[in-house]
């Protein structure tokens, strides 16, 4: 499940993943938020927190994640990933080359720094 984070800087989307992410999390939460950000601001700045309560992705969620990036390739400005999961950090390092915009990983205790970076 994706939970929106409150008290974020203006223009920054922020979510915390709890349990397993499913396709419905993308279809009902993340994709509409991104569509709204593009319509209102013309750009995407996002923080995704994948902490100790995050248990992974279903196959459907993994597919939705791949589809999420392409419709607005030029609109992605900043994506901060807050996590201590080694496999996520490694995946971001590998795929950063093809990911649009600036992407940065922050340790779990540095959510505020990630939000500030995304807003800058």
C-alpha atoms as a PDB file:
ATOM      1  CA  UNK A   1       0.000   0.000   0.000  1.00  0.00           C
ATOM      2  CA  UNK A   2       1.128   3.549  -0.725  1.00  0.00           C
ATOM      3  CA  UNK A   3       0.450   6.169   1.925  1.00  0.00           C
ATOM      4  CA  UNK A   4       0.756   9.849   1.012  1.00  0.00           C
ATOM      5  CA  UNK A   5       3.149  11.767   3.251  1.00  0.00           C
ATOM      6  CA  UNK A   6       1.760  14.992   4.640  1.00  0.00           C
ATOM      7  CA  UNK A   7       3.520  18.295   5.268  1.00  0.00           C
ATOM      8  CA  UNK A   8       5.669  18.098   2.157  1.00  0.00           C
ATOM      9  CA  UNK A   9       7.150  21.071   0.309  1.00  0.00           C
ATOM     10  CA  UNK A  10       4.984  22.635  -2.367  1.00  0.00           C
ATOM     11  CA  UNK A  11       5.277  20.831  -5.680  1.00  0.00           C
ATOM     12  CA  UNK A  12       6.641  17.592  -4.202  1.00  0.00           C
ATOM     13  CA  UNK A  13       4.712  14.329  -4.200  1.00  0.00           C
ATOM     14  CA  UNK A  14       5.697  11.996  -1.369  1.00  0.00           C
ATOM     15  CA  UNK A  15       4.616   8.471  -0.490  1.00  0.00           C
ATOM     16  CA  UNK A  16       5.560   5.732   1.963  1.00  0.00           C
ATOM     17  CA  UNK A  17       5.244   2.090   0.961  1.00  0.00           C
ATOM     18  CA  UNK A  18       3.850  -0.343   3.532  1.00  0.00           C
ATOM     19  CA  UNK A  19       3.676  -4.080   2.871  1.00  0.00           C
ATOM     20  CA  UNK A  20       3.692  -5.224  -0.743  1.00  0.00           C
ATOM     21  CA  UNK A  21       2.996  -2.783  -3.529  1.00  0.00           C
ATOM     22  CA  UNK A  22       0.347  -3.989  -5.948  1.00  0.00           C
ATOM     23  CA  UNK A  23      -0.792  -2.789  -9.361  1.00  0.00           C
ATOM     24  CA  UNK A  24      -3.768  -1.077  -7.701  1.00  0.00           C
ATOM     25  CA  UNK A  25      -1.384   1.153  -5.729  1.00  0.00           C
ATOM     26  CA  UNK A  26      -0.097   2.528  -9.006  1.00  0.00           C
ATOM     27  CA  UNK A  27      -3.472   2.664 -10.747  1.00  0.00           C
ATOM     28  CA  UNK A  28      -5.362   4.300  -7.846  1.00  0.00           C
ATOM     29  CA  UNK A  29      -2.725   6.356  -6.027  1.00  0.00           C
ATOM     30  CA  UNK A  30       0.590   6.995  -7.777  1.00  0.00           C
ATOM     31  CA  UNK A  31      -0.414   7.397 -11.424  1.00  0.00           C
ATOM     32  CA  UNK A  32      -3.296   9.817 -10.683  1.00  0.00           C
ATOM     33  CA  UNK A  33      -1.000  11.896  -8.438  1.00  0.00           C
ATOM     34  CA  UNK A  34       1.625  12.075 -11.172  1.00  0.00           C
ATOM     35  CA  UNK A  35      -0.971  12.968 -13.815  1.00  0.00           C
ATOM     36  CA  UNK A  36      -2.253  15.732 -11.553  1.00  0.00           C
ATOM     37  CA  UNK A  37       1.270  17.089 -10.912  1.00  0.00           C
ATOM     38  CA  UNK A  38       1.992  17.229 -14.632  1.00  0.00           C
ATOM     39  CA  UNK A  39      -1.331  18.968 -15.335  1.00  0.00           C
ATOM     40  CA  UNK A  40      -0.874  21.527 -12.555  1.00  0.00           C
ATOM     41  CA  UNK A  41       2.896  22.103 -12.529  1.00  0.00           C
ATOM     42  CA  UNK A  42       4.250  20.636 -15.733  1.00  0.00           C
ATOM     43  CA  UNK A  43       6.860  18.630 -13.816  1.00  0.00           C
ATOM     44  CA  UNK A  44       7.275  15.737 -11.432  1.00  0.00           C
ATOM     45  CA  UNK A  45       9.223  15.898  -8.180  1.00  0.00           C
ATOM     46  CA  UNK A  46       8.672  12.876  -5.991  1.00  0.00           C
ATOM     47  CA  UNK A  47       9.919  11.182  -2.829  1.00  0.00           C
ATOM     48  CA  UNK A  48       9.304   7.465  -2.318  1.00  0.00           C
ATOM     49  CA  UNK A  49      10.025   6.029   1.113  1.00  0.00           C
ATOM     50  CA  UNK A  50      10.626   2.274   1.074  1.00  0.00           C
ATOM     51  CA  UNK A  51      11.461   1.600   4.724  1.00  0.00           C
ATOM     52  CA  UNK A  52      11.402  -1.444   6.965  1.00  0.00           C
ATOM     53  CA  UNK A  53       7.641  -1.912   6.484  1.00  0.00           C
ATOM     54  CA  UNK A  54       8.071  -2.285   2.716  1.00  0.00           C
ATOM     55  CA  UNK A  55       7.943  -5.945   1.653  1.00  0.00           C
ATOM     56  CA  UNK A  56       8.402  -5.705  -2.118  1.00  0.00           C
ATOM     57  CA  UNK A  57       6.400  -5.591  -5.322  1.00  0.00           C
ATOM     58  CA  UNK A  58       3.899  -7.958  -6.868  1.00  0.00           C
ATOM     59  CA  UNK A  59       4.480  -8.808 -10.536  1.00  0.00           C
ATOM     60  CA  UNK A  60       1.630  -6.468 -11.473  1.00  0.00           C
ATOM     61  CA  UNK A  61       3.181  -3.616  -9.516  1.00  0.00           C
ATOM     62  CA  UNK A  62       6.554  -4.172 -11.164  1.00  0.00           C
ATOM     63  CA  UNK A  63       4.879  -3.872 -14.570  1.00  0.00           C
ATOM     64  CA  UNK A  64       3.015  -0.709 -13.519  1.00  0.00           C
ATOM     65  CA  UNK A  65       6.307   0.740 -12.256  1.00  0.00           C
ATOM     66  CA  UNK A  66       7.894   0.248 -15.664  1.00  0.00           C
ATOM     67  CA  UNK A  67       4.906   1.866 -17.391  1.00  0.00           C
ATOM     68  CA  UNK A  68       4.901   4.821 -14.982  1.00  0.00           C
ATOM     69  CA  UNK A  69       8.038   6.476 -16.349  1.00  0.00           C
ATOM     70  CA  UNK A  70       7.353   6.603 -20.061  1.00  0.00           C
ATOM     71  CA  UNK A  71       4.301   8.842 -20.636  1.00  0.00           C
ATOM     72  CA  UNK A  72       6.001  11.946 -19.236  1.00  0.00           C
ATOM     73  CA  UNK A  73       9.708  11.319 -19.786  1.00  0.00           C
ATOM     74  CA  UNK A  74      10.567  15.004 -20.088  1.00  0.00           C
ATOM     75  CA  UNK A  75       8.530  15.984 -17.015  1.00  0.00           C
ATOM     76  CA  UNK A  76      10.524  14.013 -14.404  1.00  0.00           C
ATOM     77  CA  UNK A  77      12.783  16.482 -12.593  1.00  0.00           C
ATOM     78  CA  UNK A  78      13.699  14.822  -9.312  1.00  0.00           C
ATOM     79  CA  UNK A  79      13.034  11.457  -7.733  1.00  0.00           C
ATOM     80  CA  UNK A  80      14.313  10.741  -4.233  1.00  0.00           C
ATOM     81  CA  UNK A  81      14.201   7.182  -2.921  1.00  0.00           C
ATOM     82  CA  UNK A  82      14.446   6.826   0.852  1.00  0.00           C
ATOM     83  CA  UNK A  83      15.512   3.311   1.795  1.00  0.00           C
ATOM     84  CA  UNK A  84      17.991   1.059   3.547  1.00  0.00           C
ATOM     85  CA  UNK A  85      17.047  -1.930   1.367  1.00  0.00           C
ATOM     86  CA  UNK A  86      20.258  -2.850  -0.426  1.00  0.00           C
ATOM     87  CA  UNK A  87      18.474  -4.408  -3.418  1.00  0.00           C
ATOM     88  CA  UNK A  88      16.558  -1.179  -4.071  1.00  0.00           C
ATOM     89  CA  UNK A  89      19.685   0.940  -3.758  1.00  0.00           C
ATOM     90  CA  UNK A  90      21.473  -1.369  -6.196  1.00  0.00           C
ATOM     91  CA  UNK A  91      18.533  -1.321  -8.632  1.00  0.00           C
ATOM     92  CA  UNK A  92      18.427   2.485  -8.597  1.00  0.00           C
ATOM     93  CA  UNK A  93      22.167   2.621  -9.315  1.00  0.00           C
ATOM     94  CA  UNK A  94      21.779   0.243 -12.269  1.00  0.00           C
ATOM     95  CA  UNK A  95      18.688   1.885 -13.779  1.00  0.00           C
ATOM     96  CA  UNK A  96      19.613   5.500 -12.969  1.00  0.00           C
ATOM     97  CA  UNK A  97      21.238   5.747 -16.385  1.00  0.00           C
ATOM     98  CA  UNK A  98      17.918   5.259 -18.177  1.00  0.00           C
ATOM     99  CA  UNK A  99      15.666   6.939 -15.622  1.00  0.00           C
ATOM    100  CA  UNK A 100      14.525  10.437 -16.540  1.00  0.00           C
ATOM    101  CA  UNK A 101      15.504  13.426 -14.404  1.00  0.00           C
ATOM    102  CA  UNK A 102      17.731  13.382 -11.361  1.00  0.00           C
ATOM    103  CA  UNK A 103      17.491  10.377  -9.075  1.00  0.00           C
ATOM    104  CA  UNK A 104      19.063  10.130  -5.639  1.00  0.00           C
ATOM    105  CA  UNK A 105      18.929   7.547  -2.838  1.00  0.00           C
ATOM    106  CA  UNK A 106      18.771   8.634   0.813  1.00  0.00           C
ATOM    107  CA  UNK A 107      19.115   6.443   3.923  1.00  0.00           C
ATOM    108  CA  UNK A 108      15.902   5.780   5.840  1.00  0.00           C
ATOM    109  CA  UNK A 109      16.582   8.364   8.548  1.00  0.00           C
ATOM    110  CA  UNK A 110      16.982  11.177   6.011  1.00  0.00           C
ATOM    111  CA  UNK A 111      13.434  11.695   4.734  1.00  0.00           C
ATOM    112  CA  UNK A 112      13.599  15.444   5.472  1.00  0.00           C
ATOM    113  CA  UNK A 113      16.794  15.759   3.440  1.00  0.00           C
ATOM    114  CA  UNK A 114      15.160  13.859   0.570  1.00  0.00           C
ATOM    115  CA  UNK A 115      12.141  16.177   0.650  1.00  0.00           C
ATOM    116  CA  UNK A 116      14.389  19.251   0.664  1.00  0.00           C
ATOM    117  CA  UNK A 117      16.452  17.883  -2.247  1.00  0.00           C
ATOM    118  CA  UNK A 118      13.326  17.074  -4.264  1.00  0.00           C
ATOM    119  CA  UNK A 119      11.994  20.602  -3.684  1.00  0.00           C
ATOM    120  CA  UNK A 120      15.259  22.387  -4.553  1.00  0.00           C
END
